[in-house]
Amino acid sequence: MRILLCNLLLYFAIRLPGQADSSSGYFISFDKTRIYFETHGKGKPILLIHGFTSNAETWKKTNLYAELIKNGYKVVLADLRGSGRSDKPHEAKAYAFDAEAKDLIALMKYLKFKLYDALGYSRGSIILSRMMVLDDHINKSILGGMGADFTNPDWPRRDLFYHVLAGDTIVADLKPMLDRIKESNLDRMALCNQQKEQPSTSRVELSQVKIPVLVISGDEDKDNGSSLELSKMLRYSTYKTVPGKHSGTQFSVPFAKEVIEFLRANNLPKA
């Protein structure tokens, strides 16, 4: 009986937010979709948003993850719907109308963070851009590995990814992506729907964002258009490049260094 009681206490200590340095569990979102999340560390909350065909675990392999915890941040990780341990609806409408952004906004409210920082990488930056428009509880934002092309609602790259994943278009250059999805046992239909309903944020909307934003990318990263152009759309932006290509930059020491420096700084012009 004593062993059973100890196991139960350990289970709830892990599952309930706000009771330990680390917690994990499932949050039930607005449409009953289960979103898996974890929190690690103590201090100021920062949400990390993963990219396409990735999940929350990817962040633990980065230099940034350890540096944030060491520098007094409470790191919030989540698997976007369709990814990782979160539910993977197969209906396209489940990803429409900013569903992924709404999941994360509701999660941070559930965790009772009145003000928080947020960082997205690659497709995570696309979702974070929507959050910057929809949620006034974000204090600072970092858009990593992203250029300006996603502001086009008819972005050809997104449309191509959707059709390749749907199986009605064959592109030799994207075969490695399909092979990786199959080898990693990822849910191709869910990923297809993520691309089909992927949101765009207009240049006008971005120009109205009133928080400090760091736009950072690898100096060899041209996958999603110009990150400098994206930075120029934002009122209070800081633009940085570090050595690296799209797939590796988020793991690097220079990337972590620039993010930590940005978070520490004021980033707003003097009155």
C-alpha atoms as a PDB file:
ATOM      1  CA  MET A   1       0.000   0.000   0.000  1.00  0.00           C
ATOM      2  CA  ARG A   2       2.826   2.411   0.868  1.00  0.00           C
ATOM      3  CA  ILE A   3       4.514   1.751  -2.509  1.00  0.00           C
ATOM      4  CA  LEU A   4       1.239   2.345  -4.342  1.00  0.00           C
ATOM      5  CA  LEU A   5       0.700   5.637  -2.501  1.00  0.00           C
ATOM      6  CA  CYS A   6       4.223   6.798  -3.327  1.00  0.00           C
ATOM      7  CA  ASN A   7       3.732   5.967  -6.991  1.00  0.00           C
ATOM      8  CA  LEU A   8       0.465   7.921  -7.074  1.00  0.00           C
ATOM      9  CA  LEU A   9       2.096  10.946  -5.467  1.00  0.00           C
ATOM     10  CA  LEU A  10       4.939  10.800  -7.976  1.00  0.00           C
ATOM     11  CA  TYR A  11       2.472  10.576 -10.875  1.00  0.00           C
ATOM     12  CA  PHE A  12       0.557  13.683  -9.862  1.00  0.00           C
ATOM     13  CA  ALA A  13       3.758  15.617  -9.096  1.00  0.00           C
ATOM     14  CA  ILE A  14       4.808  15.008 -12.691  1.00  0.00           C
ATOM     15  CA  ARG A  15       1.419  15.722 -14.244  1.00  0.00           C
ATOM     16  CA  LEU A  16       0.224  18.848 -12.486  1.00  0.00           C
ATOM     17  CA  PRO A  17       1.676  22.173 -13.691  1.00  0.00           C
ATOM     18  CA  GLY A  18       3.288  24.541 -11.229  1.00  0.00           C
ATOM     19  CA  GLN A  19       4.171  21.933  -8.599  1.00  0.00           C
ATOM     20  CA  ALA A  20       7.774  21.120  -9.542  1.00  0.00           C
ATOM     21  CA  ASP A  21      10.708  22.307 -11.665  1.00  0.00           C
ATOM     22  CA  SER A  22       9.481  19.887 -14.334  1.00  0.00           C
ATOM     23  CA  SER A  23       5.968  18.830 -15.237  1.00  0.00           C
ATOM     24  CA  SER A  24       4.274  17.165 -18.177  1.00  0.00           C
ATOM     25  CA  GLY A  25       0.826  16.162 -19.270  1.00  0.00           C
ATOM     26  CA  TYR A  26      -2.004  16.794 -21.686  1.00  0.00           C
ATOM     27  CA  PHE A  27      -4.016  19.956 -22.135  1.00  0.00           C
ATOM     28  CA  ILE A  28      -7.504  19.641 -23.658  1.00  0.00           C
ATOM     29  CA  SER A  29      -7.835  22.402 -26.243  1.00  0.00           C
ATOM     30  CA  PHE A  30     -10.868  24.323 -27.485  1.00  0.00           C
ATOM     31  CA  ASP A  31     -12.110  21.510 -29.762  1.00  0.00           C
ATOM     32  CA  LYS A  32     -11.196  18.619 -27.427  1.00  0.00           C
ATOM     33  CA  THR A  33      -7.863  17.980 -29.164  1.00  0.00           C
ATOM     34  CA  ARG A  34      -5.265  16.759 -26.654  1.00  0.00           C
ATOM     35  CA  ILE A  35      -2.038  18.777 -26.693  1.00  0.00           C
ATOM     36  CA  TYR A  36       1.016  17.290 -25.003  1.00  0.00           C
ATOM     37  CA  PHE A  37       3.215  19.718 -23.054  1.00  0.00           C
ATOM     38  CA  GLU A  38       6.153  19.875 -20.668  1.00  0.00           C
ATOM     39  CA  THR A  39       7.621  22.580 -18.448  1.00  0.00           C
ATOM     40  CA  HIS A  40      11.213  22.644 -17.224  1.00  0.00           C
ATOM     41  CA  GLY A  41      13.128  25.018 -14.974  1.00  0.00           C
ATOM     42  CA  LYS A  42      12.179  27.971 -12.811  1.00  0.00           C
ATOM     43  CA  GLY A  43      11.711  31.649 -13.571  1.00  0.00           C
ATOM     44  CA  LYS A  44      10.349  33.657 -16.485  1.00  0.00           C
ATOM     45  CA  PRO A  45       8.203  31.558 -18.831  1.00  0.00           C
ATOM     46  CA  ILE A  46       9.250  31.080 -22.436  1.00  0.00           C
ATOM     47  CA  LEU A  47       7.371  28.952 -24.955  1.00  0.00           C
ATOM     48  CA  LEU A  48       9.411  27.107 -27.606  1.00  0.00           C
ATOM     49  CA  ILE A  49       7.530  26.155 -30.793  1.00  0.00           C
ATOM     50  CA  HIS A  50       8.950  23.413 -32.985  1.00  0.00           C
ATOM     51  CA  GLY A  51       9.067  23.217 -36.771  1.00  0.00           C
ATOM     52  CA  PHE A  52       7.591  20.961 -39.433  1.00  0.00           C
ATOM     53  CA  THR A  53       8.051  17.158 -39.019  1.00  0.00           C
ATOM     54  CA  SER A  54       9.530  17.912 -35.596  1.00  0.00           C
ATOM     55  CA  ASN A  55       8.240  17.873 -32.002  1.00  0.00           C
ATOM     56  CA  ALA A  56       8.962  19.237 -28.534  1.00  0.00           C
ATOM     57  CA  GLU A  57      11.789  16.752 -27.936  1.00  0.00           C
ATOM     58  CA  THR A  58      13.872  18.458 -30.633  1.00  0.00           C
ATOM     59  CA  TRP A  59      14.426  21.474 -28.380  1.00  0.00           C
ATOM     60  CA  LYS A  60      16.133  19.333 -25.743  1.00  0.00           C
ATOM     61  CA  LYS A  61      18.932  18.644 -28.224  1.00  0.00           C
ATOM     62  CA  THR A  62      19.712  22.341 -28.668  1.00  0.00           C
ATOM     63  CA  ASN A  63      22.249  24.435 -26.824  1.00  0.00           C
ATOM     64  CA  LEU A  64      19.504  27.007 -26.264  1.00  0.00           C
ATOM     65  CA  TYR A  65      17.380  24.699 -24.104  1.00  0.00           C
ATOM     66  CA  ALA A  66      20.089  24.274 -21.464  1.00  0.00           C
ATOM     67  CA  GLU A  67      21.070  27.946 -21.620  1.00  0.00           C
ATOM     68  CA  LEU A  68      17.513  29.115 -20.995  1.00  0.00           C
ATOM     69  CA  ILE A  69      17.176  26.957 -17.891  1.00  0.00           C
ATOM     70  CA  LYS A  70      20.623  28.043 -16.675  1.00  0.00           C
ATOM     71  CA  ASN A  71      19.657  31.701 -17.169  1.00  0.00           C
ATOM     72  CA  GLY A  72      16.499  31.508 -15.071  1.00  0.00           C
ATOM     73  CA  TYR A  73      13.737  30.647 -17.533  1.00  0.00           C
ATOM     74  CA  LYS A  74      10.850  28.255 -17.199  1.00  0.00           C
ATOM     75  CA  VAL A  75      10.799  26.511 -20.573  1.00  0.00           C
ATOM     76  CA  VAL A  76       7.441  25.404 -21.954  1.00  0.00           C
ATOM     77  CA  LEU A  77       7.526  22.750 -24.682  1.00  0.00           C
ATOM     78  CA  ALA A  78       4.502  21.515 -26.606  1.00  0.00           C
ATOM     79  CA  ASP A  79       3.781  19.177 -29.489  1.00  0.00           C
ATOM     80  CA  LEU A  80       1.656  20.984 -32.055  1.00  0.00           C
ATOM     81  CA  ARG A  81      -1.539  19.184 -33.036  1.00  0.00           C
ATOM     82  CA  GLY A  82      -0.604  16.632 -35.674  1.00  0.00           C
ATOM     83  CA  SER A  83       2.864  16.127 -34.180  1.00  0.00           C
ATOM     84  CA  GLY A  84       4.616  14.182 -31.430  1.00  0.00           C
ATOM     85  CA  ARG A  85       2.392  12.970 -28.627  1.00  0.00           C
ATOM     86  CA  SER A  86      -0.472  15.376 -29.342  1.00  0.00           C
ATOM     87  CA  ASP A  87      -3.618  14.242 -31.120  1.00  0.00           C
ATOM     88  CA  LYS A  88      -3.412  13.996 -34.899  1.00  0.00           C
ATOM     89  CA  PRO A  89      -6.798  14.788 -36.465  1.00  0.00           C
ATOM     90  CA  HIS A  90      -7.173  13.685 -40.072  1.00  0.00           C
ATOM     91  CA  GLU A  91      -9.751  16.329 -40.982  1.00  0.00           C
ATOM     92  CA  ALA A  92      -8.256  19.410 -42.620  1.00  0.00           C
ATOM     93  CA  LYS A  93     -10.729  21.682 -40.819  1.00  0.00           C
ATOM     94  CA  ALA A  94      -9.108  20.722 -37.500  1.00  0.00           C
ATOM     95  CA  TYR A  95      -6.038  22.760 -38.528  1.00  0.00           C
ATOM     96  CA  ALA A  96      -7.909  25.745 -39.997  1.00  0.00           C
ATOM     97  CA  PHE A  97      -8.653  29.171 -38.497  1.00  0.00           C
ATOM     98  CA  ASP A  98      -5.453  29.424 -36.436  1.00  0.00           C
ATOM     99  CA  ALA A  99      -6.130  26.192 -34.539  1.00  0.00           C
ATOM    100  CA  GLU A 100      -2.447  25.591 -33.725  1.00  0.00           C
ATOM    101  CA  ALA A 101      -1.929  29.143 -32.467  1.00  0.00           C
ATOM    102  CA  LYS A 102      -5.120  28.942 -30.415  1.00  0.00           C
ATOM    103  CA  ASP A 103      -3.901  25.696 -28.826  1.00  0.00           C
ATOM    104  CA  LEU A 104      -0.731  27.353 -27.571  1.00  0.00           C
ATOM    105  CA  ILE A 105      -2.431  30.556 -26.423  1.00  0.00           C
ATOM    106  CA  ALA A 106      -4.911  28.483 -24.414  1.00  0.00           C
ATOM    107  CA  LEU A 107      -2.112  26.311 -23.025  1.00  0.00           C
ATOM    108  CA  MET A 108      -0.228  29.324 -21.672  1.00  0.00           C
ATOM    109  CA  LYS A 109      -3.450  30.598 -20.116  1.00  0.00           C
ATOM    110  CA  TYR A 110      -4.040  27.164 -18.579  1.00  0.00           C
ATOM    111  CA  LEU A 111      -0.540  27.303 -17.088  1.00  0.00           C
ATOM    112  CA  LYS A 112      -1.493  30.713 -15.639  1.00  0.00           C
ATOM    113  CA  PHE A 113       1.245  32.755 -17.286  1.00  0.00           C
ATOM    114  CA  LYS A 114       0.043  36.346 -17.509  1.00  0.00           C
ATOM    115  CA  LEU A 115       3.067  37.417 -19.550  1.00  0.00           C
ATOM    116  CA  TYR A 116       5.534  35.222 -21.429  1.00  0.00           C
ATOM    117  CA  ASP A 117       8.210  35.188 -24.103  1.00  0.00           C
ATOM    118  CA  ALA A 118       7.963  32.900 -27.119  1.00  0.00           C
ATOM    119  CA  LEU A 119      10.315  31.495 -29.724  1.00  0.00           C
ATOM    120  CA  GLY A 120       9.463  29.654 -32.916  1.00  0.00           C
ATOM    121  CA  TYR A 121      11.774  27.980 -35.390  1.00  0.00           C
ATOM    122  CA  SER A 122      10.949  27.382 -39.058  1.00  0.00           C
ATOM    123  CA  ARG A 123       7.226  26.554 -39.239  1.00  0.00           C
ATOM    124  CA  GLY A 124       7.081  27.340 -35.510  1.00  0.00           C
ATOM    125  CA  SER A 125       7.760  30.962 -36.448  1.00  0.00           C
ATOM    126  CA  ILE A 126       4.741  30.928 -38.751  1.00  0.00           C
ATOM    127  CA  ILE A 127       2.530  29.801 -35.870  1.00  0.00           C
ATOM    128  CA  LEU A 128       4.156  32.296 -33.500  1.00  0.00           C
ATOM    129  CA  SER A 129       3.452  35.121 -35.952  1.00  0.00           C
ATOM    130  CA  ARG A 130      -0.252  34.364 -35.620  1.00  0.00           C
ATOM    131  CA  MET A 131       0.080  34.341 -31.827  1.00  0.00           C
ATOM    132  CA  MET A 132       1.733  37.764 -31.956  1.00  0.00           C
ATOM    133  CA  VAL A 133      -1.400  39.074 -33.652  1.00  0.00           C
ATOM    134  CA  LEU A 134      -3.920  37.203 -31.506  1.00  0.00           C
ATOM    135  CA  ASP A 135      -2.410  37.261 -27.995  1.00  0.00           C
ATOM    136  CA  ASP A 136      -1.456  40.381 -26.030  1.00  0.00           C
ATOM    137  CA  HIS A 137       0.214  38.306 -23.293  1.00  0.00           C
ATOM    138  CA  ILE A 138       3.448  37.843 -25.269  1.00  0.00           C
ATOM    139  CA  ASN A 139       6.249  40.019 -23.931  1.00  0.00           C
ATOM    140  CA  LYS A 140       8.998  39.291 -26.477  1.00  0.00           C
ATOM    141  CA  SER A 141       9.114  37.117 -29.548  1.00  0.00           C
ATOM    142  CA  ILE A 142      11.850  35.359 -31.523  1.00  0.00           C
ATOM    143  CA  LEU A 143      11.238  34.260 -35.114  1.00  0.00           C
ATOM    144  CA  GLY A 144      13.968  31.799 -36.055  1.00  0.00           C
ATOM    145  CA  GLY A 145      14.716  30.226 -39.424  1.00  0.00           C
ATOM    146  CA  MET A 146      12.003  32.124 -41.278  1.00  0.00           C
ATOM    147  CA  GLY A 147      11.915  34.630 -44.129  1.00  0.00           C
ATOM    148  CA  ALA A 148       9.142  36.811 -45.479  1.00  0.00           C
ATOM    149  CA  ASP A 149       7.602  34.324 -47.934  1.00  0.00           C
ATOM    150  CA  PHE A 150       4.976  32.974 -45.519  1.00  0.00           C
ATOM    151  CA  THR A 151       3.197  36.327 -45.565  1.00  0.00           C
ATOM    152  CA  ASN A 152       1.844  35.289 -48.986  1.00  0.00           C
ATOM    153  CA  PRO A 153      -1.354  33.239 -48.420  1.00  0.00           C
ATOM    154  CA  ASP A 154      -0.686  31.532 -51.772  1.00  0.00           C
ATOM    155  CA  TRP A 155       2.946  30.743 -50.948  1.00  0.00           C
ATOM    156  CA  PRO A 156       4.078  28.285 -53.658  1.00  0.00           C
ATOM    157  CA  ARG A 157       6.372  26.360 -51.287  1.00  0.00           C
ATOM    158  CA  ARG A 158       3.520  25.638 -48.874  1.00  0.00           C
ATOM    159  CA  ASP A 159       1.230  24.649 -51.716  1.00  0.00           C
ATOM    160  CA  LEU A 160       3.894  22.333 -53.152  1.00  0.00           C
ATOM    161  CA  PHE A 161       4.491  20.626 -49.795  1.00  0.00           C
ATOM    162  CA  TYR A 162       0.746  20.072 -49.436  1.00  0.00           C
ATOM    163  CA  HIS A 163       0.355  18.451 -52.853  1.00  0.00           C
ATOM    164  CA  VAL A 164       3.457  16.266 -52.418  1.00  0.00           C
ATOM    165  CA  LEU A 165       2.192  15.039 -49.041  1.00  0.00           C
ATOM    166  CA  ALA A 166      -1.272  14.490 -50.525  1.00  0.00           C
ATOM    167  CA  GLY A 167       0.349  12.257 -53.134  1.00  0.00           C
ATOM    168  CA  ASP A 168      -0.913  14.049 -56.215  1.00  0.00           C
ATOM    169  CA  THR A 169       2.456  15.625 -57.116  1.00  0.00           C
ATOM    170  CA  ILE A 170       5.892  14.036 -57.353  1.00  0.00           C
ATOM    171  CA  VAL A 171       8.976  16.173 -56.765  1.00  0.00           C
ATOM    172  CA  ALA A 172      12.321  14.384 -56.666  1.00  0.00           C
ATOM    173  CA  ASP A 173      13.907  16.996 -54.366  1.00  0.00           C
ATOM    174  CA  LEU A 174      11.250  16.327 -51.700  1.00  0.00           C
ATOM    175  CA  LYS A 175      11.630  12.539 -51.692  1.00  0.00           C
ATOM    176  CA  PRO A 176      14.081  12.694 -48.727  1.00  0.00           C
ATOM    177  CA  MET A 177      11.339  14.456 -46.712  1.00  0.00           C
ATOM    178  CA  LEU A 178       8.844  11.709 -47.560  1.00  0.00           C
ATOM    179  CA  ASP A 179      11.404   9.031 -46.725  1.00  0.00           C
ATOM    180  CA  ARG A 180      12.096  10.676 -43.354  1.00  0.00           C
ATOM    181  CA  ILE A 181       8.378  10.863 -42.581  1.00  0.00           C
ATOM    182  CA  LYS A 182       7.999   7.156 -43.346  1.00  0.00           C
ATOM    183  CA  GLU A 183      11.144   6.069 -41.488  1.00  0.00           C
ATOM    184  CA  SER A 184      10.202   8.129 -38.419  1.00  0.00           C
ATOM    185  CA  ASN A 185       6.634   6.780 -38.476  1.00  0.00           C
ATOM    186  CA  LEU A 186       5.173  10.290 -38.646  1.00  0.00           C
ATOM    187  CA  ASP A 187       1.531  10.842 -39.516  1.00  0.00           C
ATOM    188  CA  ARG A 188       1.640  11.896 -43.166  1.00  0.00           C
ATOM    189  CA  MET A 189      -2.051  12.824 -43.337  1.00  0.00           C
ATOM    190  CA  ALA A 190      -1.758  15.095 -40.296  1.00  0.00           C
ATOM    191  CA  LEU A 191       1.341  16.755 -41.767  1.00  0.00           C
ATOM    192  CA  CYS A 192      -0.474  17.186 -45.073  1.00  0.00           C
ATOM    193  CA  ASN A 193      -3.305  18.978 -43.288  1.00  0.00           C
ATOM    194  CA  GLN A 194      -0.836  21.189 -41.425  1.00  0.00           C
ATOM    195  CA  GLN A 195       0.412  22.412 -44.797  1.00  0.00           C
ATOM    196  CA  LYS A 196      -3.046  22.705 -46.340  1.00  0.00           C
ATOM    197  CA  GLU A 197      -4.336  24.952 -43.545  1.00  0.00           C
ATOM    198  CA  GLN A 198      -1.058  26.645 -42.633  1.00  0.00           C
ATOM    199  CA  PRO A 199      -1.803  30.277 -41.734  1.00  0.00           C
ATOM    200  CA  SER A 200      -0.204  33.365 -43.199  1.00  0.00           C
ATOM    201  CA  THR A 201       0.236  36.678 -41.438  1.00  0.00           C
ATOM    202  CA  SER A 202      -0.003  39.754 -43.634  1.00  0.00           C
ATOM    203  CA  ARG A 203       2.577  42.518 -43.826  1.00  0.00           C
ATOM    204  CA  VAL A 204      -0.023  44.931 -42.439  1.00  0.00           C
ATOM    205  CA  GLU A 205      -0.674  42.705 -39.429  1.00  0.00           C
ATOM    206  CA  LEU A 206       3.044  42.331 -38.745  1.00  0.00           C
ATOM    207  CA  SER A 207       3.550  46.097 -38.954  1.00  0.00           C
ATOM    208  CA  GLN A 208       1.042  46.523 -36.130  1.00  0.00           C
ATOM    209  CA  VAL A 209       2.864  44.222 -33.688  1.00  0.00           C
ATOM    210  CA  LYS A 210       4.071  46.373 -30.788  1.00  0.00           C
ATOM    211  CA  ILE A 211       6.448  44.033 -28.957  1.00  0.00           C
ATOM    212  CA  PRO A 212      10.192  43.501 -29.457  1.00  0.00           C
ATOM    213  CA  VAL A 213      10.874  40.767 -32.019  1.00  0.00           C
ATOM    214  CA  LEU A 214      14.179  39.108 -32.852  1.00  0.00           C
ATOM    215  CA  VAL A 215      14.387  37.769 -36.413  1.00  0.00           C
ATOM    216  CA  ILE A 216      17.311  35.352 -36.587  1.00  0.00           C
ATOM    217  CA  SER A 217      18.487  32.880 -39.190  1.00  0.00           C
ATOM    218  CA  GLY A 218      21.528  31.039 -40.447  1.00  0.00           C
ATOM    219  CA  ASP A 219      23.646  32.999 -42.896  1.00  0.00           C
ATOM    220  CA  GLU A 220      23.168  30.207 -45.465  1.00  0.00           C
ATOM    221  CA  ASP A 221      19.423  29.800 -44.852  1.00  0.00           C
ATOM    222  CA  LYS A 222      17.397  30.786 -47.925  1.00  0.00           C
ATOM    223  CA  ASP A 223      14.613  28.189 -47.554  1.00  0.00           C
ATOM    224  CA  ASN A 224      11.770  30.578 -46.746  1.00  0.00           C
ATOM    225  CA  GLY A 225      12.734  33.868 -48.334  1.00  0.00           C
ATOM    226  CA  SER A 226      14.561  36.841 -46.845  1.00  0.00           C
ATOM    227  CA  SER A 227      14.700  37.073 -43.061  1.00  0.00           C
ATOM    228  CA  LEU A 228      15.956  40.657 -43.407  1.00  0.00           C
ATOM    229  CA  GLU A 229      12.810  41.525 -45.358  1.00  0.00           C
ATOM    230  CA  LEU A 230      10.721  39.930 -42.615  1.00  0.00           C
ATOM    231  CA  SER A 231      12.539  41.970 -39.982  1.00  0.00           C
ATOM    232  CA  LYS A 232      11.780  45.198 -41.846  1.00  0.00           C
ATOM    233  CA  MET A 233       8.045  44.494 -41.606  1.00  0.00           C
ATOM    234  CA  LEU A 234       8.157  44.627 -37.801  1.00  0.00           C
ATOM    235  CA  ARG A 235       8.108  47.884 -35.842  1.00  0.00           C
ATOM    236  CA  TYR A 236      10.448  46.869 -32.999  1.00  0.00           C
ATOM    237  CA  SER A 237      12.626  44.262 -34.651  1.00  0.00           C
ATOM    238  CA  THR A 238      16.209  43.179 -34.156  1.00  0.00           C
ATOM    239  CA  TYR A 239      17.849  41.344 -37.040  1.00  0.00           C
ATOM    240  CA  LYS A 240      20.634  38.795 -36.585  1.00  0.00           C
ATOM    241  CA  THR A 241      22.326  36.101 -38.600  1.00  0.00           C
ATOM    242  CA  VAL A 242      24.589  33.367 -37.273  1.00  0.00           C
ATOM    243  CA  PRO A 243      26.617  30.720 -39.101  1.00  0.00           C
ATOM    244  CA  GLY A 244      24.485  27.863 -40.363  1.00  0.00           C
ATOM    245  CA  LYS A 245      21.955  26.390 -42.748  1.00  0.00           C
ATOM    246  CA  HIS A 246      18.239  26.022 -42.089  1.00  0.00           C
ATOM    247  CA  SER A 247      18.317  22.538 -40.575  1.00  0.00           C
ATOM    248  CA  GLY A 248      21.139  23.105 -38.102  1.00  0.00           C
ATOM    249  CA  THR A 249      21.093  26.695 -36.913  1.00  0.00           C
ATOM    250  CA  GLN A 250      18.698  26.250 -33.996  1.00  0.00           C
ATOM    251  CA  PHE A 251      21.078  23.763 -32.352  1.00  0.00           C
ATOM    252  CA  SER A 252      24.137  26.014 -32.392  1.00  0.00           C
ATOM    253  CA  VAL A 253      25.916  27.941 -29.651  1.00  0.00           C
ATOM    254  CA  PRO A 254      25.824  31.264 -31.598  1.00  0.00           C
ATOM    255  CA  PHE A 255      22.044  30.940 -32.028  1.00  0.00           C
ATOM    256  CA  ALA A 256      21.593  30.423 -28.288  1.00  0.00           C
ATOM    257  CA  LYS A 257      23.901  33.335 -27.495  1.00  0.00           C
ATOM    258  CA  GLU A 258      21.949  35.784 -29.641  1.00  0.00           C
ATOM    259  CA  VAL A 259      18.600  34.650 -28.219  1.00  0.00           C
ATOM    260  CA  ILE A 260      19.768  35.006 -24.610  1.00  0.00           C
ATOM    261  CA  GLU A 261      21.212  38.469 -25.296  1.00  0.00           C
ATOM    262  CA  PHE A 262      17.964  39.579 -26.918  1.00  0.00           C
ATOM    263  CA  LEU A 263      15.859  38.321 -24.016  1.00  0.00           C
ATOM    264  CA  ARG A 264      18.069  40.165 -21.518  1.00  0.00           C
ATOM    265  CA  ALA A 265      17.947  43.486 -23.378  1.00  0.00           C
ATOM    266  CA  ASN A 266      15.240  46.147 -23.249  1.00  0.00           C
ATOM    267  CA  ASN A 267      14.722  46.120 -27.063  1.00  0.00           C
ATOM    268  CA  LEU A 268      12.366  49.102 -27.128  1.00  0.00           C
ATOM    269  CA  PRO A 269      13.377  52.629 -28.204  1.00  0.00           C
ATOM    270  CA  LYS A 270      13.766  55.182 -25.462  1.00  0.00           C
ATOM    271  CA  ALA A 271      10.752  57.429 -24.934  1.00  0.00           C
END
